[in-house]
N, C-alpha and C. Protein backbone atom coordinates (compact mmCIF):
# COMPACT_ATOMS: atom_id res chain seq x y z
N UNK A 1 13.73 -22.72 69.58
CA UNK A 1 14.60 -23.81 69.94
C UNK A 1 14.13 -24.51 71.22
N UNK A 2 13.49 -23.74 72.09
CA UNK A 2 13.00 -24.32 73.33
C UNK A 2 11.98 -25.42 73.04
N UNK A 3 11.10 -25.17 72.05
CA UNK A 3 10.08 -26.16 71.72
C UNK A 3 10.70 -27.40 71.11
N UNK A 4 11.74 -27.21 70.32
CA UNK A 4 12.44 -28.36 69.74
C UNK A 4 13.05 -29.21 70.85
N UNK A 5 13.63 -28.55 71.83
CA UNK A 5 14.23 -29.31 72.94
C UNK A 5 13.15 -30.06 73.74
N UNK A 6 11.97 -29.48 73.88
CA UNK A 6 10.88 -30.18 74.58
C UNK A 6 10.42 -31.40 73.79
N UNK A 7 10.34 -31.26 72.48
CA UNK A 7 9.95 -32.40 71.63
C UNK A 7 11.00 -33.50 71.71
N UNK A 8 12.26 -33.12 71.63
CA UNK A 8 13.33 -34.13 71.72
C UNK A 8 13.31 -34.80 73.09
N UNK A 9 13.10 -34.01 74.14
CA UNK A 9 13.02 -34.59 75.49
C UNK A 9 11.88 -35.60 75.56
N UNK A 10 10.73 -35.26 74.95
CA UNK A 10 9.59 -36.18 75.00
C UNK A 10 9.89 -37.49 74.28
N UNK A 11 10.79 -37.46 73.30
CA UNK A 11 11.14 -38.68 72.59
C UNK A 11 12.22 -39.49 73.31
N UNK A 12 13.03 -38.81 74.12
CA UNK A 12 14.12 -39.49 74.82
C UNK A 12 13.73 -39.94 76.22
N UNK A 13 12.72 -39.34 76.81
CA UNK A 13 12.34 -39.64 78.20
C UNK A 13 11.78 -41.05 78.31
N UNK A 14 12.02 -41.66 79.45
CA UNK A 14 11.54 -43.02 79.72
C UNK A 14 10.84 -43.05 81.06
N UNK A 15 9.95 -44.00 81.22
CA UNK A 15 9.32 -44.29 82.50
C UNK A 15 8.63 -43.11 83.16
N UNK A 16 8.91 -42.88 84.45
CA UNK A 16 8.24 -41.82 85.19
C UNK A 16 8.51 -40.42 84.64
N UNK A 17 9.69 -40.22 84.06
CA UNK A 17 9.99 -38.90 83.48
C UNK A 17 9.06 -38.62 82.31
N UNK A 18 8.78 -39.62 81.48
CA UNK A 18 7.87 -39.45 80.35
C UNK A 18 6.45 -39.19 80.84
N UNK A 19 5.99 -39.96 81.81
CA UNK A 19 4.63 -39.78 82.32
C UNK A 19 4.47 -38.44 83.02
N UNK A 20 5.47 -38.05 83.81
CA UNK A 20 5.41 -36.75 84.49
C UNK A 20 5.43 -35.60 83.50
N UNK A 21 6.30 -35.70 82.50
CA UNK A 21 6.37 -34.66 81.47
C UNK A 21 5.05 -34.60 80.70
N UNK A 22 4.48 -35.77 80.41
CA UNK A 22 3.19 -35.81 79.72
C UNK A 22 2.09 -35.14 80.52
N UNK A 23 2.09 -35.35 81.82
CA UNK A 23 1.10 -34.72 82.68
C UNK A 23 1.26 -33.20 82.70
N UNK A 24 2.51 -32.74 82.78
CA UNK A 24 2.77 -31.29 82.78
C UNK A 24 2.32 -30.67 81.46
N UNK A 25 2.65 -31.34 80.34
CA UNK A 25 2.26 -30.81 79.02
C UNK A 25 0.75 -30.84 78.86
N UNK A 26 0.09 -31.87 79.36
CA UNK A 26 -1.37 -31.95 79.28
C UNK A 26 -2.01 -30.79 80.03
N UNK A 27 -1.58 -30.55 81.26
CA UNK A 27 -2.13 -29.45 82.05
C UNK A 27 -1.85 -28.11 81.38
N UNK A 28 -0.63 -27.93 80.88
CA UNK A 28 -0.27 -26.67 80.23
C UNK A 28 -1.09 -26.45 78.96
N UNK A 29 -1.28 -27.49 78.17
CA UNK A 29 -2.03 -27.31 76.93
C UNK A 29 -3.51 -27.07 77.20
N UNK A 30 -4.06 -27.72 78.21
CA UNK A 30 -5.47 -27.49 78.53
C UNK A 30 -5.69 -26.12 79.16
N UNK A 31 -4.65 -25.56 79.74
CA UNK A 31 -4.75 -24.23 80.34
C UNK A 31 -4.48 -23.14 79.29
N UNK A 32 -3.46 -23.34 78.45
CA UNK A 32 -3.04 -22.30 77.51
C UNK A 32 -3.74 -22.36 76.15
N UNK A 33 -4.08 -23.57 75.70
CA UNK A 33 -4.68 -23.71 74.37
C UNK A 33 -5.67 -24.87 74.35
N UNK A 34 -6.75 -24.79 75.14
CA UNK A 34 -7.64 -25.95 75.25
C UNK A 34 -8.33 -26.34 73.94
N UNK A 35 -8.86 -25.37 73.22
CA UNK A 35 -9.60 -25.70 72.00
C UNK A 35 -8.68 -26.25 70.93
N UNK A 36 -7.54 -25.63 70.76
CA UNK A 36 -6.60 -26.08 69.73
C UNK A 36 -6.04 -27.45 70.08
N UNK A 37 -5.75 -27.69 71.36
CA UNK A 37 -5.22 -29.00 71.77
C UNK A 37 -6.25 -30.09 71.51
N UNK A 38 -7.50 -29.85 71.86
CA UNK A 38 -8.55 -30.85 71.61
C UNK A 38 -8.71 -31.10 70.12
N UNK A 39 -8.69 -30.03 69.32
CA UNK A 39 -8.87 -30.18 67.88
C UNK A 39 -7.71 -30.97 67.26
N UNK A 40 -6.48 -30.66 67.66
CA UNK A 40 -5.34 -31.37 67.10
C UNK A 40 -5.30 -32.83 67.56
N UNK A 41 -5.64 -33.08 68.81
CA UNK A 41 -5.68 -34.47 69.27
C UNK A 41 -6.76 -35.26 68.55
N UNK A 42 -7.88 -34.62 68.26
CA UNK A 42 -8.95 -35.28 67.51
C UNK A 42 -8.47 -35.62 66.09
N UNK A 43 -7.64 -34.78 65.52
CA UNK A 43 -7.15 -35.01 64.16
C UNK A 43 -6.16 -36.17 64.08
N UNK A 44 -5.49 -36.50 65.17
CA UNK A 44 -4.51 -37.59 65.13
C UNK A 44 -5.04 -38.88 65.74
N UNK A 45 -6.33 -38.94 65.99
CA UNK A 45 -6.88 -40.12 66.64
C UNK A 45 -6.74 -41.38 65.78
N UNK A 46 -6.84 -41.25 64.47
CA UNK A 46 -6.68 -42.41 63.60
C UNK A 46 -5.23 -42.89 63.63
N UNK A 47 -4.31 -41.96 63.65
CA UNK A 47 -2.90 -42.32 63.75
C UNK A 47 -2.62 -43.05 65.06
N UNK A 48 -3.24 -42.61 66.14
CA UNK A 48 -3.07 -43.28 67.43
C UNK A 48 -3.66 -44.69 67.38
N UNK A 49 -4.80 -44.84 66.72
CA UNK A 49 -5.40 -46.16 66.58
C UNK A 49 -4.48 -47.09 65.79
N UNK A 50 -3.86 -46.56 64.74
CA UNK A 50 -2.92 -47.35 63.96
C UNK A 50 -1.71 -47.75 64.82
N UNK A 51 -1.22 -46.81 65.64
CA UNK A 51 -0.11 -47.14 66.54
C UNK A 51 -0.48 -48.27 67.49
N UNK A 52 -1.68 -48.20 68.05
CA UNK A 52 -2.13 -49.23 68.99
C UNK A 52 -2.21 -50.58 68.28
N UNK A 53 -2.80 -50.59 67.10
CA UNK A 53 -2.94 -51.87 66.37
C UNK A 53 -1.57 -52.44 66.01
N UNK A 54 -0.71 -51.58 65.45
CA UNK A 54 0.60 -52.08 65.02
C UNK A 54 1.44 -52.59 66.19
N UNK A 55 1.50 -51.82 67.26
CA UNK A 55 2.33 -52.25 68.38
C UNK A 55 1.70 -53.39 69.17
N UNK A 56 0.42 -53.29 69.49
CA UNK A 56 -0.22 -54.30 70.33
C UNK A 56 -0.31 -55.66 69.64
N UNK A 57 -0.58 -55.66 68.35
CA UNK A 57 -0.81 -56.93 67.67
C UNK A 57 0.43 -57.49 66.96
N UNK A 58 1.45 -56.67 66.74
CA UNK A 58 2.59 -57.15 65.98
C UNK A 58 3.90 -57.16 66.76
N UNK A 59 3.84 -56.90 68.06
CA UNK A 59 5.03 -56.98 68.90
C UNK A 59 5.03 -58.33 69.60
N UNK A 60 6.10 -59.09 69.48
CA UNK A 60 6.14 -60.39 70.17
C UNK A 60 6.15 -60.21 71.68
N UNK A 61 5.60 -61.20 72.36
CA UNK A 61 5.57 -61.16 73.82
C UNK A 61 4.49 -62.07 74.37
N UNK A 62 4.15 -61.85 75.63
CA UNK A 62 3.14 -62.65 76.31
C UNK A 62 1.75 -62.22 75.85
N UNK A 63 0.95 -63.17 75.45
CA UNK A 63 -0.38 -62.87 74.90
C UNK A 63 -1.31 -62.34 75.97
N UNK A 64 -2.05 -61.28 75.62
CA UNK A 64 -3.07 -60.74 76.53
C UNK A 64 -4.29 -61.65 76.55
N UNK A 65 -4.59 -62.21 75.41
CA UNK A 65 -5.74 -63.12 75.27
C UNK A 65 -5.21 -64.43 74.69
N UNK A 66 -4.83 -65.38 75.56
CA UNK A 66 -4.24 -66.63 75.06
C UNK A 66 -5.14 -67.38 74.09
N UNK A 67 -6.45 -67.25 74.24
CA UNK A 67 -7.38 -67.95 73.36
C UNK A 67 -7.31 -67.44 71.91
N UNK A 68 -6.74 -66.21 71.70
CA UNK A 68 -6.65 -65.66 70.35
C UNK A 68 -5.41 -66.16 69.62
N UNK A 69 -4.51 -66.80 70.35
CA UNK A 69 -3.31 -67.33 69.72
C UNK A 69 -2.38 -66.21 69.28
N UNK A 70 -1.76 -66.40 68.13
CA UNK A 70 -0.79 -65.42 67.63
C UNK A 70 -1.46 -64.18 67.07
N UNK A 71 -2.76 -64.22 66.86
CA UNK A 71 -3.48 -63.07 66.28
C UNK A 71 -3.86 -62.04 67.33
N UNK A 72 -3.69 -62.37 68.58
CA UNK A 72 -4.09 -61.46 69.65
C UNK A 72 -2.99 -60.49 70.05
N UNK A 73 -3.35 -59.48 70.83
CA UNK A 73 -2.37 -58.50 71.29
C UNK A 73 -1.49 -59.08 72.40
N UNK A 74 -0.33 -58.44 72.58
CA UNK A 74 0.59 -58.86 73.64
C UNK A 74 0.71 -57.75 74.67
N UNK A 75 1.10 -58.14 75.89
CA UNK A 75 1.28 -57.15 76.95
C UNK A 75 2.41 -56.19 76.61
N UNK A 76 3.48 -56.71 76.06
CA UNK A 76 4.62 -55.86 75.69
C UNK A 76 4.24 -54.89 74.58
N UNK A 77 3.46 -55.38 73.61
CA UNK A 77 3.01 -54.52 72.52
C UNK A 77 2.07 -53.44 73.00
N UNK A 78 1.18 -53.80 73.94
CA UNK A 78 0.25 -52.80 74.48
C UNK A 78 1.01 -51.72 75.24
N UNK A 79 2.06 -52.13 75.99
CA UNK A 79 2.86 -51.14 76.72
C UNK A 79 3.58 -50.21 75.75
N UNK A 80 4.13 -50.76 74.67
CA UNK A 80 4.78 -49.92 73.66
C UNK A 80 3.77 -49.00 72.97
N UNK A 81 2.58 -49.52 72.71
CA UNK A 81 1.54 -48.71 72.06
C UNK A 81 1.16 -47.52 72.92
N UNK A 82 0.97 -47.75 74.20
CA UNK A 82 0.63 -46.65 75.11
C UNK A 82 1.77 -45.64 75.17
N UNK A 83 2.99 -46.13 75.23
CA UNK A 83 4.15 -45.23 75.30
C UNK A 83 4.25 -44.37 74.05
N UNK A 84 4.08 -44.95 72.89
CA UNK A 84 4.20 -44.18 71.65
C UNK A 84 3.01 -43.25 71.43
N UNK A 85 1.84 -43.66 71.85
CA UNK A 85 0.67 -42.77 71.78
C UNK A 85 0.87 -41.57 72.71
N UNK A 86 1.45 -41.81 73.88
CA UNK A 86 1.74 -40.71 74.80
C UNK A 86 2.75 -39.75 74.18
N UNK A 87 3.78 -40.28 73.55
CA UNK A 87 4.78 -39.42 72.90
C UNK A 87 4.13 -38.56 71.81
N UNK A 88 3.28 -39.18 71.00
CA UNK A 88 2.58 -38.43 69.95
C UNK A 88 1.67 -37.37 70.55
N UNK A 89 0.94 -37.72 71.59
CA UNK A 89 0.05 -36.76 72.24
C UNK A 89 0.83 -35.58 72.82
N UNK A 90 1.99 -35.85 73.40
CA UNK A 90 2.82 -34.78 73.95
C UNK A 90 3.24 -33.82 72.84
N UNK A 91 3.71 -34.37 71.73
CA UNK A 91 4.15 -33.51 70.62
C UNK A 91 2.98 -32.69 70.08
N UNK A 92 1.82 -33.32 69.94
CA UNK A 92 0.64 -32.61 69.43
C UNK A 92 0.22 -31.50 70.38
N UNK A 93 0.25 -31.76 71.69
CA UNK A 93 -0.12 -30.72 72.64
C UNK A 93 0.91 -29.59 72.68
N UNK A 94 2.19 -29.92 72.52
CA UNK A 94 3.21 -28.87 72.44
C UNK A 94 2.99 -28.00 71.20
N UNK A 95 2.64 -28.63 70.10
CA UNK A 95 2.36 -27.88 68.87
C UNK A 95 1.13 -26.99 69.07
N UNK A 96 0.12 -27.49 69.77
CA UNK A 96 -1.08 -26.69 70.02
C UNK A 96 -0.75 -25.43 70.81
N UNK A 97 0.06 -25.57 71.85
CA UNK A 97 0.46 -24.40 72.63
C UNK A 97 1.30 -23.45 71.78
N UNK A 98 2.21 -24.01 71.00
CA UNK A 98 3.05 -23.17 70.13
C UNK A 98 2.20 -22.40 69.13
N UNK A 99 1.25 -23.07 68.50
CA UNK A 99 0.39 -22.39 67.52
C UNK A 99 -0.48 -21.33 68.18
N UNK A 100 -0.91 -21.60 69.40
CA UNK A 100 -1.79 -20.65 70.10
C UNK A 100 -1.03 -19.41 70.56
N UNK A 101 0.21 -19.60 71.01
CA UNK A 101 0.97 -18.51 71.63
C UNK A 101 1.95 -17.79 70.72
N UNK A 102 2.16 -18.33 69.52
CA UNK A 102 3.12 -17.73 68.61
C UNK A 102 2.40 -17.31 67.34
N UNK A 103 2.68 -16.13 66.87
CA UNK A 103 2.10 -15.67 65.63
C UNK A 103 2.70 -16.43 64.45
N UNK A 104 1.94 -16.48 63.37
CA UNK A 104 2.41 -17.24 62.22
C UNK A 104 3.68 -16.65 61.62
N UNK A 105 3.81 -15.34 61.64
CA UNK A 105 5.03 -14.72 61.09
C UNK A 105 6.25 -15.06 61.94
N UNK A 106 6.09 -15.02 63.26
CA UNK A 106 7.22 -15.35 64.14
C UNK A 106 7.60 -16.82 63.98
N UNK A 107 6.60 -17.68 63.81
CA UNK A 107 6.88 -19.10 63.65
C UNK A 107 7.61 -19.37 62.33
N UNK A 108 7.14 -18.74 61.27
CA UNK A 108 7.79 -18.92 59.98
C UNK A 108 9.20 -18.33 60.00
N UNK A 109 9.38 -17.22 60.72
CA UNK A 109 10.71 -16.64 60.85
C UNK A 109 11.65 -17.61 61.55
N UNK A 110 11.16 -18.24 62.61
CA UNK A 110 11.98 -19.24 63.31
C UNK A 110 12.30 -20.44 62.44
N UNK A 111 11.32 -20.88 61.65
CA UNK A 111 11.57 -22.00 60.74
C UNK A 111 12.57 -21.62 59.65
N UNK A 112 12.53 -20.35 59.23
CA UNK A 112 13.51 -19.89 58.23
C UNK A 112 14.93 -19.96 58.81
N UNK A 113 15.07 -19.54 60.05
CA UNK A 113 16.39 -19.58 60.68
C UNK A 113 16.86 -21.03 60.81
N UNK A 114 15.97 -21.91 61.21
CA UNK A 114 16.35 -23.32 61.36
C UNK A 114 16.63 -23.98 60.02
N UNK A 115 15.94 -23.54 58.97
CA UNK A 115 16.11 -24.14 57.65
C UNK A 115 17.21 -23.48 56.84
N UNK A 116 17.86 -22.47 57.38
CA UNK A 116 18.91 -21.75 56.64
C UNK A 116 20.00 -22.67 56.08
N UNK A 117 20.42 -23.72 56.80
CA UNK A 117 21.44 -24.61 56.21
C UNK A 117 20.97 -25.31 54.94
N UNK A 118 19.66 -25.43 54.73
CA UNK A 118 19.16 -26.07 53.51
C UNK A 118 19.44 -25.23 52.27
N UNK A 119 19.74 -23.95 52.46
CA UNK A 119 20.09 -23.10 51.32
C UNK A 119 21.39 -23.57 50.68
N UNK A 120 22.24 -24.23 51.44
CA UNK A 120 23.48 -24.78 50.89
C UNK A 120 23.20 -25.90 49.90
N UNK A 121 22.03 -26.53 50.03
CA UNK A 121 21.63 -27.60 49.11
C UNK A 121 20.83 -27.08 47.93
N UNK A 122 20.65 -25.77 47.87
CA UNK A 122 19.93 -25.18 46.75
C UNK A 122 18.45 -24.91 47.01
N UNK A 123 17.98 -25.20 48.22
CA UNK A 123 16.59 -24.95 48.55
C UNK A 123 16.40 -23.48 48.90
N UNK A 124 15.37 -22.88 48.35
CA UNK A 124 15.08 -21.48 48.64
C UNK A 124 14.29 -21.40 49.95
N UNK A 125 14.93 -20.88 50.97
CA UNK A 125 14.29 -20.77 52.28
C UNK A 125 13.15 -19.76 52.23
N UNK A 126 13.29 -18.72 51.43
CA UNK A 126 12.23 -17.71 51.30
C UNK A 126 10.98 -18.31 50.67
N UNK A 127 11.16 -19.17 49.66
CA UNK A 127 10.00 -19.82 49.03
C UNK A 127 9.31 -20.74 50.04
N UNK A 128 10.10 -21.43 50.83
CA UNK A 128 9.55 -22.29 51.87
C UNK A 128 8.73 -21.46 52.86
N UNK A 129 9.24 -20.30 53.23
CA UNK A 129 8.53 -19.43 54.17
C UNK A 129 7.20 -18.95 53.58
N UNK A 130 7.21 -18.56 52.32
CA UNK A 130 5.97 -18.09 51.69
C UNK A 130 4.96 -19.22 51.61
N UNK A 131 5.41 -20.41 51.26
CA UNK A 131 4.48 -21.55 51.19
C UNK A 131 3.90 -21.89 52.56
N UNK A 132 4.73 -21.82 53.59
CA UNK A 132 4.23 -22.07 54.93
C UNK A 132 3.20 -21.02 55.35
N UNK A 133 3.44 -19.77 55.02
CA UNK A 133 2.47 -18.72 55.33
C UNK A 133 1.15 -18.96 54.61
N UNK A 134 1.22 -19.41 53.36
CA UNK A 134 0.00 -19.73 52.62
C UNK A 134 -0.74 -20.91 53.25
N UNK A 135 0.00 -21.91 53.68
CA UNK A 135 -0.61 -23.06 54.35
C UNK A 135 -1.30 -22.61 55.63
N UNK A 136 -0.60 -21.79 56.44
CA UNK A 136 -1.21 -21.29 57.68
C UNK A 136 -2.49 -20.50 57.38
N UNK A 137 -2.45 -19.72 56.32
CA UNK A 137 -3.62 -18.91 55.96
C UNK A 137 -4.80 -19.80 55.62
N UNK A 138 -4.57 -20.85 54.82
CA UNK A 138 -5.67 -21.72 54.41
C UNK A 138 -6.13 -22.65 55.52
N UNK A 139 -5.23 -23.00 56.44
CA UNK A 139 -5.62 -23.86 57.55
C UNK A 139 -6.50 -23.08 58.52
N UNK A 140 -6.14 -21.85 58.81
CA UNK A 140 -6.90 -21.05 59.77
C UNK A 140 -8.23 -20.56 59.19
N UNK A 141 -8.26 -20.24 57.91
CA UNK A 141 -9.51 -19.79 57.29
C UNK A 141 -9.64 -20.42 55.91
N UNK A 142 -10.15 -21.65 55.88
CA UNK A 142 -10.27 -22.34 54.59
C UNK A 142 -11.30 -21.66 53.70
N UNK A 143 -11.14 -21.81 52.39
CA UNK A 143 -12.08 -21.18 51.47
C UNK A 143 -13.45 -21.85 51.53
N UNK A 144 -14.47 -21.15 51.09
CA UNK A 144 -15.81 -21.73 51.01
C UNK A 144 -15.77 -22.92 50.07
N UNK A 145 -16.33 -24.04 50.48
CA UNK A 145 -16.33 -25.23 49.64
C UNK A 145 -15.16 -26.15 49.90
N UNK A 146 -14.29 -25.80 50.85
CA UNK A 146 -13.17 -26.67 51.21
C UNK A 146 -12.08 -26.69 50.17
N UNK A 147 -11.30 -27.76 50.18
CA UNK A 147 -10.13 -27.86 49.31
C UNK A 147 -10.52 -27.96 47.84
N UNK A 148 -11.71 -28.46 47.56
CA UNK A 148 -12.13 -28.56 46.15
C UNK A 148 -12.30 -27.18 45.53
N UNK A 149 -12.66 -26.19 46.34
CA UNK A 149 -12.79 -24.83 45.83
C UNK A 149 -11.45 -24.29 45.36
N UNK A 150 -10.37 -24.73 45.97
CA UNK A 150 -9.05 -24.29 45.53
C UNK A 150 -8.71 -24.84 44.15
N UNK A 151 -9.20 -26.03 43.85
CA UNK A 151 -8.95 -26.62 42.54
C UNK A 151 -9.76 -25.94 41.44
N UNK A 152 -10.98 -25.53 41.79
CA UNK A 152 -11.87 -24.92 40.80
C UNK A 152 -11.67 -23.42 40.67
N UNK A 153 -10.99 -22.80 41.62
CA UNK A 153 -10.84 -21.35 41.62
C UNK A 153 -9.91 -20.91 40.50
N UNK A 154 -10.16 -19.73 39.95
CA UNK A 154 -9.22 -19.21 38.94
C UNK A 154 -7.86 -18.94 39.58
N UNK A 155 -6.82 -18.98 38.77
CA UNK A 155 -5.47 -18.81 39.29
C UNK A 155 -5.23 -17.42 39.85
N UNK A 156 -5.84 -16.41 39.27
CA UNK A 156 -5.59 -15.04 39.70
C UNK A 156 -6.90 -14.29 39.72
N UNK A 157 -7.24 -13.74 40.87
CA UNK A 157 -8.50 -13.01 40.96
C UNK A 157 -8.29 -11.51 41.10
N UNK A 158 -7.07 -11.04 41.03
CA UNK A 158 -6.80 -9.61 41.07
C UNK A 158 -6.57 -9.05 42.46
N UNK A 159 -7.05 -9.73 43.49
CA UNK A 159 -6.88 -9.24 44.87
C UNK A 159 -5.75 -10.02 45.54
N UNK A 160 -4.62 -9.38 45.64
CA UNK A 160 -3.47 -10.04 46.26
C UNK A 160 -3.15 -9.33 47.56
N UNK A 161 -3.17 -10.11 48.62
CA UNK A 161 -2.77 -9.58 49.92
C UNK A 161 -1.31 -9.93 50.13
N UNK A 162 -0.48 -8.96 50.44
CA UNK A 162 0.95 -9.26 50.56
C UNK A 162 1.25 -10.17 51.75
N UNK A 163 2.26 -11.02 51.58
CA UNK A 163 2.74 -11.87 52.65
C UNK A 163 4.03 -11.27 53.18
N UNK A 164 4.03 -10.94 54.43
CA UNK A 164 5.22 -10.34 55.04
C UNK A 164 5.97 -11.40 55.83
N UNK A 165 7.25 -11.51 55.56
CA UNK A 165 8.10 -12.48 56.24
C UNK A 165 9.15 -11.72 57.03
N UNK A 166 9.22 -11.99 58.32
CA UNK A 166 10.25 -11.38 59.16
C UNK A 166 11.43 -12.33 59.22
N UNK A 167 12.61 -11.77 59.24
CA UNK A 167 13.81 -12.60 59.36
C UNK A 167 14.52 -12.25 60.66
N UNK A 168 14.63 -13.22 61.54
CA UNK A 168 15.26 -12.99 62.84
C UNK A 168 16.56 -13.80 62.92
N UNK A 169 17.50 -13.29 63.65
CA UNK A 169 18.76 -13.99 63.85
C UNK A 169 18.71 -14.80 65.15
N UNK A 170 19.55 -15.81 65.23
CA UNK A 170 19.63 -16.59 66.46
C UNK A 170 20.29 -15.76 67.56
N UNK A 171 19.74 -15.87 68.77
CA UNK A 171 20.32 -15.20 69.92
C UNK A 171 21.27 -16.16 70.62
N UNK A 172 22.01 -15.66 71.60
CA UNK A 172 22.95 -16.50 72.33
C UNK A 172 22.23 -17.62 73.06
N UNK A 173 21.02 -17.36 73.55
CA UNK A 173 20.27 -18.40 74.25
C UNK A 173 19.87 -19.53 73.30
N UNK A 174 19.59 -19.19 72.04
CA UNK A 174 19.26 -20.22 71.05
C UNK A 174 20.47 -21.12 70.80
N UNK A 175 21.65 -20.51 70.69
CA UNK A 175 22.87 -21.30 70.50
C UNK A 175 23.12 -22.19 71.71
N UNK A 176 22.85 -21.68 72.90
CA UNK A 176 23.05 -22.46 74.11
C UNK A 176 22.11 -23.66 74.15
N UNK A 177 20.85 -23.45 73.80
CA UNK A 177 19.89 -24.55 73.79
C UNK A 177 20.27 -25.58 72.73
N UNK A 178 20.72 -25.12 71.55
CA UNK A 178 21.14 -26.05 70.51
C UNK A 178 22.34 -26.88 70.95
N UNK A 179 23.28 -26.25 71.63
CA UNK A 179 24.46 -26.98 72.11
C UNK A 179 24.05 -28.01 73.17
N UNK A 180 23.19 -27.61 74.09
CA UNK A 180 22.74 -28.54 75.13
C UNK A 180 21.94 -29.69 74.52
N UNK A 181 21.10 -29.36 73.55
CA UNK A 181 20.29 -30.39 72.89
C UNK A 181 21.16 -31.36 72.12
N UNK A 182 22.14 -30.85 71.40
CA UNK A 182 23.06 -31.71 70.66
C UNK A 182 23.85 -32.60 71.60
N UNK A 183 24.31 -32.05 72.71
CA UNK A 183 25.04 -32.83 73.70
C UNK A 183 24.16 -33.93 74.28
N UNK A 184 22.92 -33.59 74.59
CA UNK A 184 22.00 -34.59 75.16
C UNK A 184 21.72 -35.69 74.15
N UNK A 185 21.57 -35.35 72.89
CA UNK A 185 21.30 -36.37 71.86
C UNK A 185 22.51 -37.27 71.69
N UNK A 186 23.69 -36.68 71.63
CA UNK A 186 24.91 -37.47 71.45
C UNK A 186 25.12 -38.41 72.63
N UNK A 187 24.98 -37.88 73.85
CA UNK A 187 25.16 -38.74 75.03
C UNK A 187 24.02 -39.76 75.15
N UNK A 188 22.83 -39.36 74.80
CA UNK A 188 21.69 -40.30 74.85
C UNK A 188 21.85 -41.42 73.84
N UNK A 189 22.39 -41.11 72.65
CA UNK A 189 22.57 -42.13 71.62
C UNK A 189 23.70 -43.09 71.97
N UNK A 190 24.68 -42.61 72.75
CA UNK A 190 25.82 -43.46 73.08
C UNK A 190 25.53 -44.39 74.25
N UNK A 191 24.44 -44.18 74.97
CA UNK A 191 24.12 -45.05 76.11
C UNK A 191 23.54 -46.37 75.69
């Protein structure tokens, strides 16, 4: 729940609070999970480029290059593009630290607890957990030949490694963070 609150804070923060938080997360991710943070940031670089193009070129405002006319970027759009790229980078770096410091079973257990209300809609939380564990397994150690090897591979090769799922209950601190987060979102939305 702590990581969820950090992600929500990164989306709600404005101005110096966002930049300061971004700096703290950058330093923490480069200290705690440098390789994973660099790899994940490299994977979202195209998404960041799309954010820059969409915001800089399609947000109305004062033109950065008046000679380009309406086809050029705007100062307001560039500011929004930088802000949204920073928000995305913060979330990616938080995920990098989370992936580095949390085991896959503990992470899936936490996701099961958070997804428990979806069982009321008929979704099997246990199936979701098993699929997530399989995804983590293939992401960390992909098969020889990449994803195409998964398509060509036989459905059953006889060697099945069991997937163990731990189920943890929410502690009082988790409930406290959820209450504080909900209160912050409600008050933030009403402003």
